[in-house]
Amino acid sequence: MRLRILKAAQANLRRFGAGKTTVVDIARDLGMSHSNVYRFFRTKAEILDAVVEEWLVDEDLLLAQLAAREGTAGARIEGLLLALLARKLAKRDDDAELAELYHRILAERPAAMARHTAAVHAVFVRIIADGVRDGEFASLDPTAAARVLGHATKIFFTPESLRFAAVPGAPHAAWARDVIRTVVAGFANRDAPPILHGG
């Protein structure tokens, strides 16, 4: 029943947006009273939290699958980031209104965003540590290097950037690939400045 409520909530969010969606609308779509919806979710805000959480859990599962792929650390980093970018672009193309809404709702829920950012960062740390262990990367601090990677690539995942990427012929993925490869090359450079060895 919780899943049915979330699906109905998504449908209403598409039609009305977060501000105009009500628990009464969601209940009506399910053919039940709004008091029955409150048996599963105490408030509309809790429903929105659950919608976003479902979306983030789905992304985290994809992240784990991509991180487990075989190959060099550099290839895994590039493959992971480009696959995540392709997924976000596909979601935007297939369901632009809901994708935009997710970003807006998520921006209002910093705790959920922080959890997702931490999950992505942890995967970066793991892959970079593999690269250091295997001698592919210099002897750098994987945590600090993961922060650099996140800072360098997050611009490609912002709502504004994804809107630009929807323009026909926009070289969005190519630019992202160039940045990723440049950062990865820096990780492998034994003569790079020591900024990755600390905080």
Foldseek 3Di string as FASTA:
>chain_A
DLVLLLVLQLVVCLVPNLVPDALQSSQVVVVHGSVVVCVVPVGSLRSLVVNLVVVLVVVLVLLVVLLPDDDALLVSVLSSVLVSLVVLLVCCVVRVSSSVRSLVSVVVPVVSVVVSVVSQLVSQLVSLVVCCVVLQFAPFRSNLLSVVVCVQQVVCVHPVNSVQVPPPPPCSSVVNSVSSVVSSVLRRDNPHDRPRHDD
